[in-house]
Amino acid sequence: RQIAPSTKIVFLTVHKSPDIAKATR
């Protein structure tokens, strides 16, 4: 985000926890 602020980031992970999803927002 610091070097390419317009790049979109999609987390693709084994975690399904709502807490992890919330932390990545």
PDB file of all heavy atoms in Angstrom:
ATOM      1  N   ARG A   1       0.838  -1.215   0.000  1.00  0.00           N
ATOM      2  CA  ARG A   1       0.000   0.000   0.000  1.00  0.00           C
ATOM      3  C   ARG A   1       0.869   1.259   0.000  1.00  0.00           C
ATOM      4  O   ARG A   1       0.476   2.280  -0.553  1.00  0.00           O
ATOM      5  CB  ARG A   1      -0.944   0.005   1.203  1.00  0.00           C
ATOM      6  CG  ARG A   1      -1.892  -1.177   1.263  1.00  0.00           C
ATOM      7  CD  ARG A   1      -2.950  -1.177   0.234  1.00  0.00           C
ATOM      8  NE  ARG A   1      -3.839  -0.066   0.520  1.00  0.00           N
ATOM      9  CZ  ARG A   1      -4.683   0.435  -0.345  1.00  0.00           C
ATOM     10  NH1 ARG A   1      -4.770  -0.072  -1.536  1.00  0.00           N
ATOM     11  NH2 ARG A   1      -5.445   1.434  -0.022  1.00  0.00           N
ATOM     12  N   GLN A   2       2.060   1.194   0.623  1.00  0.00           N
ATOM     13  CA  GLN A   2       2.959   2.346   0.653  1.00  0.00           C
ATOM     14  C   GLN A   2       3.587   2.601  -0.719  1.00  0.00           C
ATOM     15  O   GLN A   2       3.724   3.746  -1.133  1.00  0.00           O
ATOM     16  CB  GLN A   2       4.083   2.121   1.679  1.00  0.00           C
ATOM     17  CG  GLN A   2       3.598   2.071   3.109  1.00  0.00           C
ATOM     18  CD  GLN A   2       2.978   3.390   3.541  1.00  0.00           C
ATOM     19  OE1 GLN A   2       3.549   4.445   3.346  1.00  0.00           O
ATOM     20  NE2 GLN A   2       1.789   3.321   4.113  1.00  0.00           N
ATOM     21  N   ILE A   3       3.961   1.536  -1.428  1.00  0.00           N
ATOM     22  CA  ILE A   3       4.653   1.719  -2.707  1.00  0.00           C
ATOM     23  C   ILE A   3       3.718   1.756  -3.912  1.00  0.00           C
ATOM     24  O   ILE A   3       4.080   2.303  -4.950  1.00  0.00           O
ATOM     25  CB  ILE A   3       5.739   0.640  -2.923  1.00  0.00           C
ATOM     26  CG1 ILE A   3       5.142  -0.769  -2.898  1.00  0.00           C
ATOM     27  CG2 ILE A   3       6.841   0.777  -1.899  1.00  0.00           C
ATOM     28  CD1 ILE A   3       6.119  -1.860  -3.247  1.00  0.00           C
ATOM     29  N   ALA A   4       2.531   1.185  -3.769  1.00  0.00           N
ATOM     30  CA  ALA A   4       1.574   1.150  -4.882  1.00  0.00           C
ATOM     31  C   ALA A   4       0.162   1.295  -4.327  1.00  0.00           C
ATOM     32  O   ALA A   4      -0.610   0.341  -4.291  1.00  0.00           O
ATOM     33  CB  ALA A   4       1.723  -0.155  -5.663  1.00  0.00           C
ATOM     34  N   PRO A   5      -0.201   2.503  -3.894  1.00  0.00           N
ATOM     35  CA  PRO A   5      -1.487   2.688  -3.220  1.00  0.00           C
ATOM     36  C   PRO A   5      -2.714   2.350  -4.062  1.00  0.00           C
ATOM     37  O   PRO A   5      -3.763   2.025  -3.511  1.00  0.00           O
ATOM     38  CB  PRO A   5      -1.482   4.161  -2.816  1.00  0.00           C
ATOM     39  CG  PRO A   5      -0.337   4.789  -3.503  1.00  0.00           C
ATOM     40  CD  PRO A   5       0.584   3.720  -3.962  1.00  0.00           C
ATOM     41  N   SER A   6      -2.600   2.378  -5.372  1.00  0.00           N
ATOM     42  CA  SER A   6      -3.773   2.062  -6.189  1.00  0.00           C
ATOM     43  C   SER A   6      -3.895   0.567  -6.502  1.00  0.00           C
ATOM     44  O   SER A   6      -4.900   0.133  -7.061  1.00  0.00           O
ATOM     45  CB  SER A   6      -3.766   2.879  -7.479  1.00  0.00           C
ATOM     46  OG  SER A   6      -2.627   2.573  -8.242  1.00  0.00           O
ATOM     47  N   THR A   7      -2.889  -0.210  -6.140  1.00  0.00           N
ATOM     48  CA  THR A   7      -2.973  -1.657  -6.330  1.00  0.00           C
ATOM     49  C   THR A   7      -4.006  -2.229  -5.377  1.00  0.00           C
ATOM     50  O   THR A   7      -4.000  -1.935  -4.187  1.00  0.00           O
ATOM     51  CB  THR A   7      -1.597  -2.319  -6.083  1.00  0.00           C
ATOM     52  OG1 THR A   7      -0.690  -1.880  -7.091  1.00  0.00           O
ATOM     53  CG2 THR A   7      -1.692  -3.830  -6.124  1.00  0.00           C
ATOM     54  N   LYS A   8      -4.885  -3.050  -5.904  1.00  0.00           N
ATOM     55  CA  LYS A   8      -5.913  -3.686  -5.086  1.00  0.00           C
ATOM     56  C   LYS A   8      -5.349  -4.975  -4.500  1.00  0.00           C
ATOM     57  O   LYS A   8      -4.662  -5.729  -5.188  1.00  0.00           O
ATOM     58  CB  LYS A   8      -7.154  -3.955  -5.906  1.00  0.00           C
ATOM     59  CG  LYS A   8      -7.843  -2.671  -6.341  1.00  0.00           C
ATOM     60  CD  LYS A   8      -9.062  -2.964  -7.191  1.00  0.00           C
ATOM     61  CE  LYS A   8      -9.835  -1.707  -7.485  1.00  0.00           C
ATOM     62  NZ  LYS A   8      -9.233  -0.837  -8.458  1.00  0.00           N
ATOM     63  N   ILE A   9      -5.646  -5.212  -3.241  1.00  0.00           N
ATOM     64  CA  ILE A   9      -5.142  -6.390  -2.557  1.00  0.00           C
ATOM     65  C   ILE A   9      -6.305  -7.302  -2.196  1.00  0.00           C
ATOM     66  O   ILE A   9      -7.264  -6.874  -1.553  1.00  0.00           O
ATOM     67  CB  ILE A   9      -4.352  -5.997  -1.291  1.00  0.00           C
ATOM     68  CG1 ILE A   9      -3.130  -5.172  -1.706  1.00  0.00           C
ATOM     69  CG2 ILE A   9      -3.961  -7.233  -0.492  1.00  0.00           C
ATOM     70  CD1 ILE A   9      -2.374  -4.558  -0.570  1.00  0.00           C
ATOM     71  N   VAL A  10      -6.189  -8.549  -2.631  1.00  0.00           N
ATOM     72  CA  VAL A  10      -7.181  -9.573  -2.303  1.00  0.00           C
ATOM     73  C   VAL A  10      -6.470 -10.633  -1.476  1.00  0.00           C
ATOM     74  O   VAL A  10      -5.521 -11.261  -1.942  1.00  0.00           O
ATOM     75  CB  VAL A  10      -7.780 -10.215  -3.571  1.00  0.00           C
ATOM     76  CG1 VAL A  10      -8.748 -11.337  -3.200  1.00  0.00           C
ATOM     77  CG2 VAL A  10      -8.462  -9.171  -4.433  1.00  0.00           C
ATOM     78  N   PHE A  11      -6.902 -10.787  -0.241  1.00  0.00           N
ATOM     79  CA  PHE A  11      -6.342 -11.839   0.591  1.00  0.00           C
ATOM     80  C   PHE A  11      -6.989 -13.152   0.194  1.00  0.00           C
ATOM     81  O   PHE A  11      -8.212 -13.275   0.171  1.00  0.00           O
ATOM     82  CB  PHE A  11      -6.577 -11.551   2.078  1.00  0.00           C
ATOM     83  CG  PHE A  11      -5.713 -10.445   2.594  1.00  0.00           C
ATOM     84  CD1 PHE A  11      -6.218  -9.164   2.732  1.00  0.00           C
ATOM     85  CD2 PHE A  11      -4.391 -10.672   2.917  1.00  0.00           C
ATOM     86  CE1 PHE A  11      -5.430  -8.133   3.193  1.00  0.00           C
ATOM     87  CE2 PHE A  11      -3.582  -9.646   3.376  1.00  0.00           C
ATOM     88  CZ  PHE A  11      -4.101  -8.373   3.518  1.00  0.00           C
ATOM     89  N   LEU A  12      -6.166 -14.127  -0.160  1.00  0.00           N
ATOM     90  CA  LEU A  12      -6.617 -15.460  -0.551  1.00  0.00           C
ATOM     91  C   LEU A  12      -5.940 -16.427   0.413  1.00  0.00           C
ATOM     92  O   LEU A  12      -4.739 -16.673   0.321  1.00  0.00           O
ATOM     93  CB  LEU A  12      -6.218 -15.751  -1.997  1.00  0.00           C
ATOM     94  CG  LEU A  12      -6.646 -17.079  -2.589  1.00  0.00           C
ATOM     95  CD1 LEU A  12      -8.160 -17.208  -2.591  1.00  0.00           C
ATOM     96  CD2 LEU A  12      -6.110 -17.233  -4.002  1.00  0.00           C
ATOM     97  N   THR A  13      -6.693 -16.938   1.358  1.00  0.00           N
ATOM     98  CA  THR A  13      -6.080 -17.660   2.474  1.00  0.00           C
ATOM     99  C   THR A  13      -6.930 -18.819   2.958  1.00  0.00           C
ATOM    100  O   THR A  13      -8.125 -18.872   2.661  1.00  0.00           O
ATOM    101  CB  THR A  13      -5.809 -16.663   3.627  1.00  0.00           C
ATOM    102  OG1 THR A  13      -5.151 -17.338   4.683  1.00  0.00           O
ATOM    103  CG2 THR A  13      -7.077 -16.022   4.121  1.00  0.00           C
ATOM    104  N   VAL A  14      -6.309 -19.703   3.716  1.00  0.00           N
ATOM    105  CA  VAL A  14      -7.048 -20.830   4.303  1.00  0.00           C
ATOM    106  C   VAL A  14      -7.899 -20.382   5.472  1.00  0.00           C
ATOM    107  O   VAL A  14      -8.816 -21.076   5.874  1.00  0.00           O
ATOM    108  CB  VAL A  14      -6.107 -21.977   4.754  1.00  0.00           C
ATOM    109  CG1 VAL A  14      -5.409 -22.597   3.573  1.00  0.00           C
ATOM    110  CG2 VAL A  14      -5.133 -21.518   5.806  1.00  0.00           C
ATOM    111  N   HIS A  15      -7.611 -19.218   6.029  1.00  0.00           N
ATOM    112  CA  HIS A  15      -8.368 -18.722   7.187  1.00  0.00           C
ATOM    113  C   HIS A  15      -9.796 -18.360   6.772  1.00  0.00           C
ATOM    114  O   HIS A  15      -9.999 -17.688   5.780  1.00  0.00           O
ATOM    115  CB  HIS A  15      -7.703 -17.477   7.780  1.00  0.00           C
ATOM    116  CG  HIS A  15      -6.335 -17.744   8.304  1.00  0.00           C
ATOM    117  ND1 HIS A  15      -6.110 -18.424   9.470  1.00  0.00           N
ATOM    118  CD2 HIS A  15      -5.124 -17.423   7.809  1.00  0.00           C
ATOM    119  CE1 HIS A  15      -4.811 -18.516   9.673  1.00  0.00           C
ATOM    120  NE2 HIS A  15      -4.187 -17.912   8.683  1.00  0.00           N
ATOM    121  N   LYS A  16     -10.750 -18.798   7.575  1.00  0.00           N
ATOM    122  CA  LYS A  16     -12.147 -18.451   7.322  1.00  0.00           C
ATOM    123  C   LYS A  16     -12.725 -17.625   8.459  1.00  0.00           C
ATOM    124  O   LYS A  16     -13.865 -17.228   8.420  1.00  0.00           O
ATOM    125  CB  LYS A  16     -12.988 -19.722   7.146  1.00  0.00           C
ATOM    126  CG  LYS A  16     -12.741 -20.438   5.846  1.00  0.00           C
ATOM    127  CD  LYS A  16     -13.616 -21.642   5.717  1.00  0.00           C
ATOM    128  CE  LYS A  16     -14.950 -21.262   5.163  1.00  0.00           C
ATOM    129  NZ  LYS A  16     -15.782 -22.394   4.771  1.00  0.00           N
ATOM    130  N   SER A  17     -11.920 -17.342   9.449  1.00  0.00           N
ATOM    131  CA  SER A  17     -12.377 -16.640  10.634  1.00  0.00           C
ATOM    132  C   SER A  17     -12.860 -15.229  10.308  1.00  0.00           C
ATOM    133  O   SER A  17     -12.183 -14.477   9.611  1.00  0.00           O
ATOM    134  CB  SER A  17     -11.227 -16.557  11.643  1.00  0.00           C
ATOM    135  OG  SER A  17     -11.465 -15.563  12.599  1.00  0.00           O
ATOM    136  N   PRO A  18     -14.024 -14.848  10.814  1.00  0.00           N
ATOM    137  CA  PRO A  18     -14.496 -13.471  10.629  1.00  0.00           C
ATOM    138  C   PRO A  18     -13.521 -12.447  11.214  1.00  0.00           C
ATOM    139  O   PRO A  18     -13.397 -11.343  10.707  1.00  0.00           O
ATOM    140  CB  PRO A  18     -15.836 -13.435  11.355  1.00  0.00           C
ATOM    141  CG  PRO A  18     -16.270 -14.856  11.452  1.00  0.00           C
ATOM    142  CD  PRO A  18     -15.012 -15.679  11.500  1.00  0.00           C
ATOM    143  N   ASP A  19     -12.806 -12.842  12.280  1.00  0.00           N
ATOM    144  CA  ASP A  19     -11.830 -11.926  12.880  1.00  0.00           C
ATOM    145  C   ASP A  19     -10.670 -11.646  11.928  1.00  0.00           C
ATOM    146  O   ASP A  19     -10.206 -10.515  11.826  1.00  0.00           O
ATOM    147  CB  ASP A  19     -11.291 -12.499  14.197  1.00  0.00           C
ATOM    148  CG  ASP A  19     -12.355 -12.554  15.276  1.00  0.00           C
ATOM    149  OD1 ASP A  19     -13.326 -11.766  15.207  1.00  0.00           O
ATOM    150  OD2 ASP A  19     -12.231 -13.389  16.184  1.00  0.00           O
ATOM    151  N   ILE A  20     -10.206 -12.681  11.231  1.00  0.00           N
ATOM    152  CA  ILE A  20      -9.122 -12.495  10.256  1.00  0.00           C
ATOM    153  C   ILE A  20      -9.619 -11.631   9.098  1.00  0.00           C
ATOM    154  O   ILE A  20      -8.951 -10.704   8.657  1.00  0.00           O
ATOM    155  CB  ILE A  20      -8.597 -13.846   9.730  1.00  0.00           C
ATOM    156  CG1 ILE A  20      -7.970 -14.656  10.849  1.00  0.00           C
ATOM    157  CG2 ILE A  20      -7.617 -13.635   8.586  1.00  0.00           C
ATOM    158  CD1 ILE A  20      -6.670 -14.122  11.390  1.00  0.00           C
ATOM    159  N   ALA A  21     -10.812 -11.918   8.607  1.00  0.00           N
ATOM    160  CA  ALA A  21     -11.379 -11.130   7.506  1.00  0.00           C
ATOM    161  C   ALA A  21     -11.503  -9.663   7.922  1.00  0.00           C
ATOM    162  O   ALA A  21     -11.169  -8.756   7.144  1.00  0.00           O
ATOM    163  CB  ALA A  21     -12.737 -11.684   7.097  1.00  0.00           C
ATOM    164  N   LYS A  22     -11.944  -9.430   9.139  1.00  0.00           N
ATOM    165  CA  LYS A  22     -12.085  -8.061   9.638  1.00  0.00           C
ATOM    166  C   LYS A  22     -10.726  -7.373   9.741  1.00  0.00           C
ATOM    167  O   LYS A  22     -10.577  -6.202   9.374  1.00  0.00           O
ATOM    168  CB  LYS A  22     -12.778  -8.096  11.006  1.00  0.00           C
ATOM    169  CG  LYS A  22     -13.106  -6.750  11.566  1.00  0.00           C
ATOM    170  CD  LYS A  22     -13.852  -6.910  12.883  1.00  0.00           C
ATOM    171  CE  LYS A  22     -14.152  -5.567  13.504  1.00  0.00           C
ATOM    172  NZ  LYS A  22     -14.838  -5.705  14.784  1.00  0.00           N
ATOM    173  N   ALA A  23      -9.712  -8.098  10.215  1.00  0.00           N
ATOM    174  CA  ALA A  23      -8.366  -7.525  10.374  1.00  0.00           C
ATOM    175  C   ALA A  23      -7.750  -7.146   9.035  1.00  0.00           C
ATOM    176  O   ALA A  23      -6.961  -6.204   8.959  1.00  0.00           O
ATOM    177  CB  ALA A  23      -7.469  -8.511  11.109  1.00  0.00           C
ATOM    178  N   THR A  24      -8.122  -7.844   7.977  1.00  0.00           N
ATOM    179  CA  THR A  24      -7.531  -7.555   6.668  1.00  0.00           C
ATOM    180  C   THR A  24      -8.181  -6.362   5.976  1.00  0.00           C
ATOM    181  O   THR A  24      -7.611  -5.816   5.030  1.00  0.00           O
ATOM    182  CB  THR A  24      -7.629  -8.782   5.742  1.00  0.00           C
ATOM    183  OG1 THR A  24      -9.007  -9.098   5.521  1.00  0.00           O
ATOM    184  CG2 THR A  24      -6.904  -9.976   6.324  1.00  0.00           C
ATOM    185  N   ARG A  25      -9.338  -5.935   6.420  1.00  0.00           N
ATOM    186  CA  ARG A  25     -10.054  -4.837   5.759  1.00  0.00           C
ATOM    187  C   ARG A  25      -9.291  -3.519   5.779  1.00  0.00           C
ATOM    188  O   ARG A  25      -9.492  -2.669   4.912  1.00  0.00           O
ATOM    189  CB  ARG A  25     -11.428  -4.642   6.383  1.00  0.00           C
ATOM    190  CG  ARG A  25     -12.383  -5.710   5.957  1.00  0.00           C
ATOM    191  CD  ARG A  25     -13.822  -5.387   6.350  1.00  0.00           C
ATOM    192  NE  ARG A  25     -14.600  -6.598   6.234  1.00  0.00           N
ATOM    193  CZ  ARG A  25     -15.207  -7.214   7.227  1.00  0.00           C
ATOM    194  NH1 ARG A  25     -15.162  -6.710   8.438  1.00  0.00           N
ATOM    195  NH2 ARG A  25     -15.875  -8.320   7.024  1.00  0.00           N
TER     196      ARG A  25
END
